[in-house]
Amino acid sequence: MSSSINFAFINQSINRYATIPLLFLGTIGNILNIFVFTRKIFRKNICVIYFLASTISDSFSIGIGLLTRFLYGYSIDPAQFSSIFCKLRFFITYLSAFTGAWFVSLACIERYFCSSTNVRQRERVTTKRAYLSIIFVVILGIIAFSEQFYCIDINQQLLGAPQSCYQLKQNIACQIADSLIQFLLEIISPAVVMIVFGFLLLRNIREKRRRIHAIHVTNSPILMESLATANFPIQEQQQSIDIKPISNTQSQPVKTNRTAQKHNAQLITILLIQVVIFIISAFPVSIYKFYSVATIYDTRTSLRQSIENTIFNASVICFFLNNTIKFYIYTLCGAIFRKELIKLFRVT
């Protein structure tokens, strides 16, 4: 059975052809994201700051992690000959994936606080804290994944690894540590934060809608008329009421507030869709990492190794989907993003 299926050809085809659309769409999308998110209208929006940071992380993931896989499909693998490049490739790929996921998680936390009816919670959200949070995530990622400078090296394919640059197969502790760190810090933890604060965000939105509905019911004309009939004499009801029209100056803050609410609603929609995409794309590789740790002491036949390596390769490509399609989520779901994108190409 093992001779009837050419797993090497399957893996080569995955690296050659599955990476091409991801590289093309991801590179163009991330470049346009950076141009749009650095426009003046977005500079003071804290949620967009996190989106921009996530886009920069995604660019490193594509440029280092995905591009090298594409080259590997054509038997071009610089990491196979350089131990330093091998370690740096793994370190940058893991770090960028870690920071990108956590920046989206921070955006979920920020939207939750901003949507709260509690003034003190809303006041916690500041630009300074956003930049400090970004710096903290980067430093934490550097510390967490520094183990790869010891646990990753070349020539591991000889021992059945999915690729030549991989975990030290003769060091079980390194395999467990590297897999668990990626599984817990890069995938599970940010996913849990996204889900928890995503639900809390939706709860805040529902609570706000109930309050707005209650205010509309309280101020409805029928209710006001009934209150007037109950509390005032008939003679007073028949008196004329002088109603002053609302000036343009008074209506301007209302219009601005509605525009801000519309933009916030679009950001929330974009954010929640990103959470769903991350969970879907990270699910296969997270299952593989959990499985690899749970079965680390199993004796594997060559057929089982080939199957597992192919599954690993496909799940990693799936994981890169999260880094490549965010621009298209922004374009489809964000009218303000589309408007600023059009301005980039407008000839003045």
C-alpha atoms as a PDB file:
ATOM      1  CA  MET A   1       0.000   0.000   0.000  1.00  0.00           C
ATOM      2  CA  SER A   2       2.843   2.370   0.825  1.00  0.00           C
ATOM      3  CA  SER A   3       4.335   1.878  -2.636  1.00  0.00           C
ATOM      4  CA  SER A   4       1.015   2.582  -4.401  1.00  0.00           C
ATOM      5  CA  ILE A   5       0.784   6.137  -3.031  1.00  0.00           C
ATOM      6  CA  ASN A   6       3.530   8.621  -3.769  1.00  0.00           C
ATOM      7  CA  PHE A   7       3.397  10.811  -0.655  1.00  0.00           C
ATOM      8  CA  ALA A   8       6.510  12.719  -1.689  1.00  0.00           C
ATOM      9  CA  PHE A   9       4.767  13.815  -4.880  1.00  0.00           C
ATOM     10  CA  ILE A  10       1.628  14.788  -2.925  1.00  0.00           C
ATOM     11  CA  ASN A  11       3.617  16.946  -0.521  1.00  0.00           C
ATOM     12  CA  GLN A  12       5.571  18.484  -3.372  1.00  0.00           C
ATOM     13  CA  SER A  13       2.323  19.349  -5.186  1.00  0.00           C
ATOM     14  CA  ILE A  14       0.843  20.894  -2.039  1.00  0.00           C
ATOM     15  CA  ASN A  15       3.893  23.097  -1.575  1.00  0.00           C
ATOM     16  CA  ARG A  16       4.055  24.026  -5.260  1.00  0.00           C
ATOM     17  CA  TYR A  17       0.445  24.751  -6.137  1.00  0.00           C
ATOM     18  CA  ALA A  18      -1.516  25.370  -2.921  1.00  0.00           C
ATOM     19  CA  THR A  19       0.873  28.128  -1.894  1.00  0.00           C
ATOM     20  CA  ILE A  20       0.667  30.120  -5.141  1.00  0.00           C
ATOM     21  CA  PRO A  21      -2.812  31.673  -4.657  1.00  0.00           C
ATOM     22  CA  LEU A  22      -2.085  32.268  -0.977  1.00  0.00           C
ATOM     23  CA  LEU A  23       1.188  34.033  -1.776  1.00  0.00           C
ATOM     24  CA  PHE A  24      -0.363  36.136  -4.535  1.00  0.00           C
ATOM     25  CA  LEU A  25      -3.537  37.150  -2.680  1.00  0.00           C
ATOM     26  CA  GLY A  26      -1.802  37.527   0.671  1.00  0.00           C
ATOM     27  CA  THR A  27       1.034  39.727  -0.580  1.00  0.00           C
ATOM     28  CA  ILE A  28      -1.237  42.094  -2.483  1.00  0.00           C
ATOM     29  CA  GLY A  29      -3.815  42.164   0.303  1.00  0.00           C
ATOM     30  CA  ASN A  30      -1.341  42.922   3.085  1.00  0.00           C
ATOM     31  CA  ILE A  31       0.338  45.703   1.091  1.00  0.00           C
ATOM     32  CA  LEU A  32      -3.036  47.357   0.477  1.00  0.00           C
ATOM     33  CA  ASN A  33      -3.999  46.870   4.132  1.00  0.00           C
ATOM     34  CA  ILE A  34      -0.908  48.775   5.244  1.00  0.00           C
ATOM     35  CA  PHE A  35      -1.626  51.629   2.831  1.00  0.00           C
ATOM     36  CA  VAL A  36      -5.260  51.919   3.930  1.00  0.00           C
ATOM     37  CA  PHE A  37      -4.716  51.524   7.687  1.00  0.00           C
ATOM     38  CA  THR A  38      -2.021  54.222   7.713  1.00  0.00           C
ATOM     39  CA  ARG A  39      -4.384  56.823   6.241  1.00  0.00           C
ATOM     40  CA  LYS A  40      -5.280  59.798   8.399  1.00  0.00           C
ATOM     41  CA  ILE A  41      -8.853  58.706   9.111  1.00  0.00           C
ATOM     42  CA  PHE A  42      -7.669  55.504  10.844  1.00  0.00           C
ATOM     43  CA  ARG A  43      -4.637  56.753  12.757  1.00  0.00           C
ATOM     44  CA  LYS A  44      -6.446  57.400  16.041  1.00  0.00           C
ATOM     45  CA  ASN A  45      -8.659  54.304  15.931  1.00  0.00           C
ATOM     46  CA  ILE A  46      -7.258  51.824  18.454  1.00  0.00           C
ATOM     47  CA  CYS A  47      -8.930  48.803  16.887  1.00  0.00           C
ATOM     48  CA  VAL A  48      -7.345  49.668  13.536  1.00  0.00           C
ATOM     49  CA  ILE A  49      -3.955  49.977  15.258  1.00  0.00           C
ATOM     50  CA  TYR A  50      -4.298  46.318  16.236  1.00  0.00           C
ATOM     51  CA  PHE A  51      -5.426  45.444  12.690  1.00  0.00           C
ATOM     52  CA  LEU A  52      -2.347  47.180  11.277  1.00  0.00           C
ATOM     53  CA  ALA A  53      -0.040  45.361  13.703  1.00  0.00           C
ATOM     54  CA  SER A  54      -1.693  42.069  12.765  1.00  0.00           C
ATOM     55  CA  THR A  55      -1.201  42.847   9.062  1.00  0.00           C
ATOM     56  CA  ILE A  56       2.525  43.458   9.595  1.00  0.00           C
ATOM     57  CA  SER A  57       2.797  40.124  11.437  1.00  0.00           C
ATOM     58  CA  ASP A  58       0.921  38.393   8.625  1.00  0.00           C
ATOM     59  CA  SER A  59       3.378  39.859   6.112  1.00  0.00           C
ATOM     60  CA  PHE A  60       6.288  38.219   7.952  1.00  0.00           C
ATOM     61  CA  SER A  61       4.376  34.916   8.104  1.00  0.00           C
ATOM     62  CA  ILE A  62       3.838  34.981   4.355  1.00  0.00           C
ATOM     63  CA  GLY A  63       7.301  36.253   3.443  1.00  0.00           C
ATOM     64  CA  ILE A  64       9.224  33.823   5.658  1.00  0.00           C
ATOM     65  CA  GLY A  65       6.949  30.856   6.331  1.00  0.00           C
ATOM     66  CA  LEU A  66       4.835  30.518   3.183  1.00  0.00           C
ATOM     67  CA  LEU A  67       7.429  31.599   0.621  1.00  0.00           C
ATOM     68  CA  THR A  68       9.991  29.067   1.884  1.00  0.00           C
ATOM     69  CA  ARG A  69       7.363  26.308   1.603  1.00  0.00           C
ATOM     70  CA  PHE A  70       6.718  27.324  -1.996  1.00  0.00           C
ATOM     71  CA  LEU A  71      10.441  27.122  -2.751  1.00  0.00           C
ATOM     72  CA  TYR A  72      10.637  23.787  -0.960  1.00  0.00           C
ATOM     73  CA  GLY A  73       8.125  22.454  -3.491  1.00  0.00           C
ATOM     74  CA  TYR A  74      10.793  23.023  -6.159  1.00  0.00           C
ATOM     75  CA  SER A  75      13.558  21.485  -4.008  1.00  0.00           C
ATOM     76  CA  ILE A  76      14.925  24.925  -3.164  1.00  0.00           C
ATOM     77  CA  ASP A  77      15.417  24.945   0.600  1.00  0.00           C
ATOM     78  CA  PRO A  78      18.028  27.358   2.010  1.00  0.00           C
ATOM     79  CA  ALA A  79      17.183  26.088   5.501  1.00  0.00           C
ATOM     80  CA  GLN A  80      18.485  22.659   4.519  1.00  0.00           C
ATOM     81  CA  PHE A  81      22.073  23.914   4.357  1.00  0.00           C
ATOM     82  CA  SER A  82      22.144  26.680   6.965  1.00  0.00           C
ATOM     83  CA  SER A  83      21.440  25.922  10.602  1.00  0.00           C
ATOM     84  CA  ILE A  84      21.139  29.644  11.425  1.00  0.00           C
ATOM     85  CA  PHE A  85      18.624  30.270   8.632  1.00  0.00           C
ATOM     86  CA  CYS A  86      16.702  27.167   9.703  1.00  0.00           C
ATOM     87  CA  LYS A  87      16.369  28.413  13.276  1.00  0.00           C
ATOM     88  CA  LEU A  88      15.524  31.974  12.214  1.00  0.00           C
ATOM     89  CA  ARG A  89      12.906  30.730   9.762  1.00  0.00           C
ATOM     90  CA  PHE A  90      11.086  28.783  12.464  1.00  0.00           C
ATOM     91  CA  PHE A  91      11.490  31.553  15.031  1.00  0.00           C
ATOM     92  CA  ILE A  92      10.152  34.343  12.785  1.00  0.00           C
ATOM     93  CA  THR A  93       7.320  32.200  11.426  1.00  0.00           C
ATOM     94  CA  TYR A  94       6.144  31.152  14.896  1.00  0.00           C
ATOM     95  CA  LEU A  95       6.628  34.635  16.374  1.00  0.00           C
ATOM     96  CA  SER A  96       4.708  36.361  13.586  1.00  0.00           C
ATOM     97  CA  ALA A  97       1.848  33.845  13.814  1.00  0.00           C
ATOM     98  CA  PHE A  98       1.787  34.273  17.604  1.00  0.00           C
ATOM     99  CA  THR A  99       1.745  38.090  17.508  1.00  0.00           C
ATOM    100  CA  GLY A 100      -0.784  38.205  14.654  1.00  0.00           C
ATOM    101  CA  ALA A 101      -3.238  36.029  16.577  1.00  0.00           C
ATOM    102  CA  TRP A 102      -2.799  37.960  19.812  1.00  0.00           C
ATOM    103  CA  PHE A 103      -3.243  41.343  18.109  1.00  0.00           C
ATOM    104  CA  VAL A 104      -6.669  40.186  16.926  1.00  0.00           C
ATOM    105  CA  SER A 105      -7.365  38.998  20.487  1.00  0.00           C
ATOM    106  CA  LEU A 106      -6.400  42.439  21.816  1.00  0.00           C
ATOM    107  CA  ALA A 107      -8.758  44.005  19.283  1.00  0.00           C
ATOM    108  CA  CYS A 108     -11.570  41.818  20.700  1.00  0.00           C
ATOM    109  CA  ILE A 109     -10.737  43.015  24.221  1.00  0.00           C
ATOM    110  CA  GLU A 110     -10.636  46.636  23.044  1.00  0.00           C
ATOM    111  CA  ARG A 111     -14.026  46.374  21.319  1.00  0.00           C
ATOM    112  CA  TYR A 112     -15.489  44.791  24.447  1.00  0.00           C
ATOM    113  CA  PHE A 113     -14.363  47.666  26.666  1.00  0.00           C
ATOM    114  CA  CYS A 114     -15.460  50.282  24.124  1.00  0.00           C
ATOM    115  CA  SER A 115     -18.929  48.742  23.872  1.00  0.00           C
ATOM    116  CA  SER A 116     -19.413  48.683  27.655  1.00  0.00           C
ATOM    117  CA  THR A 117     -21.996  50.931  29.298  1.00  0.00           C
ATOM    118  CA  ASN A 118     -19.543  51.389  32.163  1.00  0.00           C
ATOM    119  CA  VAL A 119     -17.639  54.649  31.703  1.00  0.00           C
ATOM    120  CA  ARG A 120     -14.621  53.422  33.686  1.00  0.00           C
ATOM    121  CA  GLN A 121     -14.223  50.408  31.416  1.00  0.00           C
ATOM    122  CA  ARG A 122     -14.361  52.612  28.313  1.00  0.00           C
ATOM    123  CA  GLU A 123     -11.735  54.914  29.809  1.00  0.00           C
ATOM    124  CA  ARG A 124      -9.309  51.989  30.062  1.00  0.00           C
ATOM    125  CA  VAL A 125      -8.952  51.993  26.286  1.00  0.00           C
ATOM    126  CA  THR A 126      -6.197  54.418  25.285  1.00  0.00           C
ATOM    127  CA  THR A 127      -3.726  54.639  22.432  1.00  0.00           C
ATOM    128  CA  LYS A 128      -0.807  54.465  24.845  1.00  0.00           C
ATOM    129  CA  ARG A 129      -2.073  51.211  26.364  1.00  0.00           C
ATOM    130  CA  ALA A 130      -2.595  49.793  22.875  1.00  0.00           C
ATOM    131  CA  TYR A 131       1.047  50.369  21.914  1.00  0.00           C
ATOM    132  CA  LEU A 132       2.234  49.029  25.283  1.00  0.00           C
ATOM    133  CA  SER A 133       0.110  45.900  24.754  1.00  0.00           C
ATOM    134  CA  ILE A 134       1.645  45.394  21.309  1.00  0.00           C
ATOM    135  CA  ILE A 135       5.163  45.727  22.714  1.00  0.00           C
ATOM    136  CA  PHE A 136       4.327  43.307  25.546  1.00  0.00           C
ATOM    137  CA  VAL A 137       3.019  40.671  23.095  1.00  0.00           C
ATOM    138  CA  VAL A 138       6.142  40.940  20.938  1.00  0.00           C
ATOM    139  CA  ILE A 139       8.465  40.586  23.950  1.00  0.00           C
ATOM    140  CA  LEU A 140       6.458  37.646  25.299  1.00  0.00           C
ATOM    141  CA  GLY A 141       6.641  35.929  21.910  1.00  0.00           C
ATOM    142  CA  ILE A 142      10.410  36.431  21.690  1.00  0.00           C
ATOM    143  CA  ILE A 143      10.853  34.867  25.127  1.00  0.00           C
ATOM    144  CA  ALA A 144       8.431  31.996  24.471  1.00  0.00           C
ATOM    145  CA  PHE A 145       9.877  30.936  21.111  1.00  0.00           C
ATOM    146  CA  SER A 146      13.553  31.482  21.902  1.00  0.00           C
ATOM    147  CA  GLU A 147      13.696  27.740  22.655  1.00  0.00           C
ATOM    148  CA  GLN A 148      13.714  27.161  18.900  1.00  0.00           C
ATOM    149  CA  PHE A 149      17.320  28.319  18.660  1.00  0.00           C
ATOM    150  CA  TYR A 150      18.112  25.126  20.560  1.00  0.00           C
ATOM    151  CA  CYS A 151      15.293  22.740  19.611  1.00  0.00           C
ATOM    152  CA  ILE A 152      15.265  23.341  15.829  1.00  0.00           C
ATOM    153  CA  ASP A 153      18.028  22.276  13.458  1.00  0.00           C
ATOM    154  CA  ILE A 154      18.747  20.937   9.981  1.00  0.00           C
ATOM    155  CA  ASN A 155      19.010  17.332   8.754  1.00  0.00           C
ATOM    156  CA  GLN A 156      16.030  16.108  10.752  1.00  0.00           C
ATOM    157  CA  GLN A 157      14.271  14.624   7.735  1.00  0.00           C
ATOM    158  CA  LEU A 158      16.595  11.659   7.954  1.00  0.00           C
ATOM    159  CA  LEU A 159      14.707  10.654  11.093  1.00  0.00           C
ATOM    160  CA  GLY A 160      11.229  10.906   9.581  1.00  0.00           C
ATOM    161  CA  ALA A 161      10.462  14.592  10.216  1.00  0.00           C
ATOM    162  CA  PRO A 162       8.030  16.407   7.863  1.00  0.00           C
ATOM    163  CA  GLN A 163      10.918  18.533   6.549  1.00  0.00           C
ATOM    164  CA  SER A 164      14.676  18.716   6.874  1.00  0.00           C
ATOM    165  CA  CYS A 165      14.534  21.816   9.104  1.00  0.00           C
ATOM    166  CA  TYR A 166      12.490  20.662  12.090  1.00  0.00           C
ATOM    167  CA  GLN A 167      12.466  19.683  15.779  1.00  0.00           C
ATOM    168  CA  LEU A 168      15.364  17.615  17.114  1.00  0.00           C
ATOM    169  CA  LYS A 169      14.077  14.067  16.727  1.00  0.00           C
ATOM    170  CA  GLN A 170      16.559  12.652  19.210  1.00  0.00           C
ATOM    171  CA  ASN A 171      15.430  15.108  21.900  1.00  0.00           C
ATOM    172  CA  ILE A 172      11.936  14.194  23.117  1.00  0.00           C
ATOM    173  CA  ALA A 173      11.826  17.121  25.552  1.00  0.00           C
ATOM    174  CA  CYS A 174      12.376  19.556  22.678  1.00  0.00           C
ATOM    175  CA  GLN A 175       9.606  17.988  20.626  1.00  0.00           C
ATOM    176  CA  ILE A 176       7.136  18.213  23.502  1.00  0.00           C
ATOM    177  CA  ALA A 177       8.157  21.764  24.467  1.00  0.00           C
ATOM    178  CA  ASP A 178       8.064  23.131  20.925  1.00  0.00           C
ATOM    179  CA  SER A 179       4.722  21.528  20.053  1.00  0.00           C
ATOM    180  CA  LEU A 180       3.052  22.503  23.342  1.00  0.00           C
ATOM    181  CA  ILE A 181       4.255  26.108  23.175  1.00  0.00           C
ATOM    182  CA  GLN A 182       2.820  26.507  19.685  1.00  0.00           C
ATOM    183  CA  PHE A 183      -0.375  24.644  20.593  1.00  0.00           C
ATOM    184  CA  LEU A 184      -1.032  26.569  23.824  1.00  0.00           C
ATOM    185  CA  LEU A 185       0.344  30.059  23.171  1.00  0.00           C
ATOM    186  CA  GLU A 186      -0.061  30.495  19.428  1.00  0.00           C
ATOM    187  CA  ILE A 187      -3.385  28.713  18.853  1.00  0.00           C
ATOM    188  CA  ILE A 188      -5.467  27.742  21.893  1.00  0.00           C
ATOM    189  CA  SER A 189      -4.907  30.765  24.173  1.00  0.00           C
ATOM    190  CA  PRO A 190      -5.698  33.488  21.589  1.00  0.00           C
ATOM    191  CA  ALA A 191      -8.638  31.431  20.307  1.00  0.00           C
ATOM    192  CA  VAL A 192     -10.095  31.210  23.836  1.00  0.00           C
ATOM    193  CA  VAL A 193      -9.616  34.963  24.359  1.00  0.00           C
ATOM    194  CA  MET A 194     -11.260  35.703  21.002  1.00  0.00           C
ATOM    195  CA  ILE A 195     -14.250  33.480  21.773  1.00  0.00           C
ATOM    196  CA  VAL A 196     -14.756  34.759  25.350  1.00  0.00           C
ATOM    197  CA  PHE A 197     -14.492  38.448  24.531  1.00  0.00           C
ATOM    198  CA  GLY A 198     -16.404  37.930  21.295  1.00  0.00           C
ATOM    199  CA  PHE A 199     -19.376  36.630  23.278  1.00  0.00           C
ATOM    200  CA  LEU A 200     -18.974  39.415  25.857  1.00  0.00           C
ATOM    201  CA  LEU A 201     -18.909  41.934  23.017  1.00  0.00           C
ATOM    202  CA  LEU A 202     -22.128  40.537  21.564  1.00  0.00           C
ATOM    203  CA  ARG A 203     -23.689  40.667  25.034  1.00  0.00           C
ATOM    204  CA  ASN A 204     -22.791  44.350  25.349  1.00  0.00           C
ATOM    205  CA  ILE A 205     -24.273  45.048  21.915  1.00  0.00           C
ATOM    206  CA  ARG A 206     -27.550  43.312  22.845  1.00  0.00           C
ATOM    207  CA  GLU A 207     -27.674  45.218  26.126  1.00  0.00           C
ATOM    208  CA  LYS A 208     -27.210  48.530  24.308  1.00  0.00           C
ATOM    209  CA  ARG A 209     -29.964  47.663  21.849  1.00  0.00           C
ATOM    210  CA  ARG A 210     -32.343  46.848  24.696  1.00  0.00           C
ATOM    211  CA  ARG A 211     -31.590  50.197  26.315  1.00  0.00           C
ATOM    212  CA  ILE A 212     -32.116  52.072  23.063  1.00  0.00           C
ATOM    213  CA  HIS A 213     -35.390  50.218  22.498  1.00  0.00           C
ATOM    214  CA  ALA A 214     -36.538  51.070  26.034  1.00  0.00           C
ATOM    215  CA  ILE A 215     -35.734  54.760  25.457  1.00  0.00           C
ATOM    216  CA  HIS A 216     -37.661  54.767  22.178  1.00  0.00           C
ATOM    217  CA  VAL A 217     -40.666  53.151  23.841  1.00  0.00           C
ATOM    218  CA  THR A 218     -40.541  55.646  26.710  1.00  0.00           C
ATOM    219  CA  ASN A 219     -40.346  58.605  24.315  1.00  0.00           C
ATOM    220  CA  SER A 220     -42.894  57.311  21.802  1.00  0.00           C
ATOM    221  CA  PRO A 221     -45.679  59.784  20.775  1.00  0.00           C
ATOM    222  CA  ILE A 222     -48.466  57.476  21.967  1.00  0.00           C
ATOM    223  CA  LEU A 223     -46.960  57.121  25.415  1.00  0.00           C
ATOM    224  CA  MET A 224     -46.275  60.867  25.673  1.00  0.00           C
ATOM    225  CA  GLU A 225     -49.852  61.622  24.631  1.00  0.00           C
ATOM    226  CA  SER A 226     -51.258  59.281  27.260  1.00  0.00           C
ATOM    227  CA  LEU A 227     -49.051  60.836  29.927  1.00  0.00           C
ATOM    228  CA  ALA A 228     -50.150  64.296  28.884  1.00  0.00           C
ATOM    229  CA  THR A 229     -53.822  63.328  29.019  1.00  0.00           C
ATOM    230  CA  ALA A 230     -53.398  61.825  32.445  1.00  0.00           C
ATOM    231  CA  ASN A 231     -51.469  64.670  34.048  1.00  0.00           C
ATOM    232  CA  PHE A 232     -52.728  67.918  32.489  1.00  0.00           C
ATOM    233  CA  PRO A 233     -56.150  69.590  32.280  1.00  0.00           C
ATOM    234  CA  ILE A 234     -57.935  69.699  28.942  1.00  0.00           C
ATOM    235  CA  GLN A 235     -57.524  73.460  28.711  1.00  0.00           C
ATOM    236  CA  GLU A 236     -53.722  73.144  28.949  1.00  0.00           C
ATOM    237  CA  GLN A 237     -53.694  70.404  26.308  1.00  0.00           C
ATOM    238  CA  GLN A 238     -55.433  72.726  23.854  1.00  0.00           C
ATOM    239  CA  GLN A 239     -52.824  75.431  24.248  1.00  0.00           C
ATOM    240  CA  SER A 240     -50.477  75.811  21.356  1.00  0.00           C
ATOM    241  CA  ILE A 241     -46.940  74.560  21.801  1.00  0.00           C
ATOM    242  CA  ASP A 242     -44.090  76.498  20.352  1.00  0.00           C
ATOM    243  CA  ILE A 243     -41.601  74.007  18.868  1.00  0.00           C
ATOM    244  CA  LYS A 244     -38.247  75.421  17.840  1.00  0.00           C
ATOM    245  CA  PRO A 245     -36.554  73.798  14.899  1.00  0.00           C
ATOM    246  CA  ILE A 246     -33.201  72.115  15.539  1.00  0.00           C
ATOM    247  CA  SER A 247     -30.363  74.187  14.156  1.00  0.00           C
ATOM    248  CA  ASN A 248     -27.629  72.753  11.956  1.00  0.00           C
ATOM    249  CA  THR A 249     -25.155  73.322  14.765  1.00  0.00           C
ATOM    250  CA  GLN A 250     -27.200  71.167  17.149  1.00  0.00           C
ATOM    251  CA  SER A 251     -27.747  68.385  14.599  1.00  0.00           C
ATOM    252  CA  GLN A 252     -24.068  68.155  13.656  1.00  0.00           C
ATOM    253  CA  PRO A 253     -22.949  66.217  16.802  1.00  0.00           C
ATOM    254  CA  VAL A 254     -25.831  63.796  16.304  1.00  0.00           C
ATOM    255  CA  LYS A 255     -24.756  63.144  12.720  1.00  0.00           C
ATOM    256  CA  THR A 256     -21.116  62.692  13.772  1.00  0.00           C
ATOM    257  CA  ASN A 257     -22.123  60.278  16.524  1.00  0.00           C
ATOM    258  CA  ARG A 258     -24.176  58.196  14.099  1.00  0.00           C
ATOM    259  CA  THR A 259     -21.241  58.026  11.686  1.00  0.00           C
ATOM    260  CA  ALA A 260     -18.930  56.883  14.488  1.00  0.00           C
ATOM    261  CA  GLN A 261     -21.447  54.230  15.549  1.00  0.00           C
ATOM    262  CA  LYS A 262     -21.670  53.000  11.961  1.00  0.00           C
ATOM    263  CA  HIS A 263     -17.885  52.720  11.714  1.00  0.00           C
ATOM    264  CA  ASN A 264     -17.716  50.881  15.040  1.00  0.00           C
ATOM    265  CA  ALA A 265     -20.390  48.436  13.885  1.00  0.00           C
ATOM    266  CA  GLN A 266     -18.358  47.695  10.755  1.00  0.00           C
ATOM    267  CA  LEU A 267     -15.200  47.129  12.796  1.00  0.00           C
ATOM    268  CA  ILE A 268     -17.056  44.737  15.095  1.00  0.00           C
ATOM    269  CA  THR A 269     -18.376  42.759  12.105  1.00  0.00           C
ATOM    270  CA  ILE A 270     -14.892  42.556  10.572  1.00  0.00           C
ATOM    271  CA  LEU A 271     -13.393  41.511  13.902  1.00  0.00           C
ATOM    272  CA  LEU A 272     -15.894  38.727  14.546  1.00  0.00           C
ATOM    273  CA  ILE A 273     -15.404  37.321  11.046  1.00  0.00           C
ATOM    274  CA  GLN A 274     -11.624  37.318  11.631  1.00  0.00           C
ATOM    275  CA  VAL A 275     -12.177  35.329  14.817  1.00  0.00           C
ATOM    276  CA  VAL A 276     -14.188  32.713  12.927  1.00  0.00           C
ATOM    277  CA  ILE A 277     -11.557  32.473  10.153  1.00  0.00           C
ATOM    278  CA  PHE A 278      -8.745  32.084  12.684  1.00  0.00           C
ATOM    279  CA  ILE A 279     -10.526  29.276  14.543  1.00  0.00           C
ATOM    280  CA  ILE A 280     -11.323  27.412  11.309  1.00  0.00           C
ATOM    281  CA  SER A 281      -7.815  27.762   9.824  1.00  0.00           C
ATOM    282  CA  ALA A 282      -6.040  26.911  13.103  1.00  0.00           C
ATOM    283  CA  PHE A 283      -8.177  23.868  13.899  1.00  0.00           C
ATOM    284  CA  PRO A 284      -6.325  21.290  11.702  1.00  0.00           C
ATOM    285  CA  VAL A 285      -2.806  22.208  12.843  1.00  0.00           C
ATOM    286  CA  SER A 286      -3.900  22.421  16.491  1.00  0.00           C
ATOM    287  CA  ILE A 287      -5.321  18.901  16.294  1.00  0.00           C
ATOM    288  CA  TYR A 288      -2.113  17.676  14.685  1.00  0.00           C
ATOM    289  CA  LYS A 289       0.059  19.292  17.380  1.00  0.00           C
ATOM    290  CA  PHE A 290      -2.060  17.755  20.129  1.00  0.00           C
ATOM    291  CA  TYR A 291      -1.920  14.365  18.399  1.00  0.00           C
ATOM    292  CA  SER A 292       1.850  14.541  17.878  1.00  0.00           C
ATOM    293  CA  VAL A 293       2.460  15.173  21.583  1.00  0.00           C
ATOM    294  CA  ALA A 294      -0.023  12.507  22.679  1.00  0.00           C
ATOM    295  CA  THR A 295       1.595   9.853  20.437  1.00  0.00           C
ATOM    296  CA  ILE A 296       5.196  10.968  20.754  1.00  0.00           C
ATOM    297  CA  TYR A 297       6.374   7.641  22.200  1.00  0.00           C
ATOM    298  CA  ASP A 298       4.587   5.519  19.567  1.00  0.00           C
ATOM    299  CA  THR A 299       6.640   3.478  17.145  1.00  0.00           C
ATOM    300  CA  ARG A 300       5.728   4.610  13.625  1.00  0.00           C
ATOM    301  CA  THR A 301       5.969   2.646  10.418  1.00  0.00           C
ATOM    302  CA  SER A 302       7.171   4.410   7.269  1.00  0.00           C
ATOM    303  CA  LEU A 303       3.593   4.451   5.934  1.00  0.00           C
ATOM    304  CA  ARG A 304       2.259   6.075   9.106  1.00  0.00           C
ATOM    305  CA  GLN A 305       5.042   8.669   9.024  1.00  0.00           C
ATOM    306  CA  SER A 306       4.258   9.505   5.411  1.00  0.00           C
ATOM    307  CA  ILE A 307       0.545   9.922   6.117  1.00  0.00           C
ATOM    308  CA  GLU A 308       1.162  12.068   9.191  1.00  0.00           C
ATOM    309  CA  ASN A 309       3.681  14.244   7.357  1.00  0.00           C
ATOM    310  CA  THR A 310       1.213  14.835   4.526  1.00  0.00           C
ATOM    311  CA  ILE A 311      -1.534  15.754   6.995  1.00  0.00           C
ATOM    312  CA  PHE A 312       0.875  18.086   8.775  1.00  0.00           C
ATOM    313  CA  ASN A 313       1.847  19.760   5.503  1.00  0.00           C
ATOM    314  CA  ALA A 314      -1.786  20.320   4.479  1.00  0.00           C
ATOM    315  CA  SER A 315      -2.764  21.625   7.922  1.00  0.00           C
ATOM    316  CA  VAL A 316       0.093  24.151   7.920  1.00  0.00           C
ATOM    317  CA  ILE A 317      -0.977  25.447   4.498  1.00  0.00           C
ATOM    318  CA  CYS A 318      -4.520  25.758   5.872  1.00  0.00           C
ATOM    319  CA  PHE A 319      -3.173  27.756   8.820  1.00  0.00           C
ATOM    320  CA  PHE A 320      -1.659  30.309   6.421  1.00  0.00           C
ATOM    321  CA  LEU A 321      -5.161  31.006   5.121  1.00  0.00           C
ATOM    322  CA  ASN A 322      -5.668  33.202   8.195  1.00  0.00           C
ATOM    323  CA  ASN A 323      -2.710  35.380   7.161  1.00  0.00           C
ATOM    324  CA  THR A 324      -3.783  35.904   3.558  1.00  0.00           C
ATOM    325  CA  ILE A 325      -7.496  36.742   3.370  1.00  0.00           C
ATOM    326  CA  LYS A 326      -7.938  39.542   5.919  1.00  0.00           C
ATOM    327  CA  PHE A 327      -7.816  42.234   3.222  1.00  0.00           C
ATOM    328  CA  TYR A 328     -10.748  40.614   1.459  1.00  0.00           C
ATOM    329  CA  ILE A 329     -12.700  40.435   4.728  1.00  0.00           C
ATOM    330  CA  TYR A 330     -12.113  44.159   5.255  1.00  0.00           C
ATOM    331  CA  THR A 331     -13.136  44.922   1.672  1.00  0.00           C
ATOM    332  CA  LEU A 332     -16.336  42.866   1.751  1.00  0.00           C
ATOM    333  CA  CYS A 333     -17.524  43.873   5.224  1.00  0.00           C
ATOM    334  CA  GLY A 334     -16.233  47.410   5.738  1.00  0.00           C
ATOM    335  CA  ALA A 335     -17.761  50.266   3.739  1.00  0.00           C
ATOM    336  CA  ILE A 336     -15.341  52.766   5.284  1.00  0.00           C
ATOM    337  CA  PHE A 337     -12.407  50.495   4.322  1.00  0.00           C
ATOM    338  CA  ARG A 338     -13.666  50.259   0.740  1.00  0.00           C
ATOM    339  CA  LYS A 339     -14.084  54.043   0.600  1.00  0.00           C
ATOM    340  CA  GLU A 340     -10.495  54.663   1.702  1.00  0.00           C
ATOM    341  CA  LEU A 341      -9.244  51.933  -0.639  1.00  0.00           C
ATOM    342  CA  ILE A 342     -10.901  53.637  -3.611  1.00  0.00           C
ATOM    343  CA  LYS A 343      -9.250  56.914  -2.637  1.00  0.00           C
ATOM    344  CA  LEU A 344      -5.852  55.230  -2.974  1.00  0.00           C
ATOM    345  CA  PHE A 345      -6.441  54.660  -6.689  1.00  0.00           C
ATOM    346  CA  ARG A 346      -8.287  57.886  -7.391  1.00  0.00           C
ATOM    347  CA  VAL A 347      -6.363  60.182  -9.720  1.00  0.00           C
ATOM    348  CA  THR A 348      -6.444  63.753  -8.494  1.00  0.00           C
END
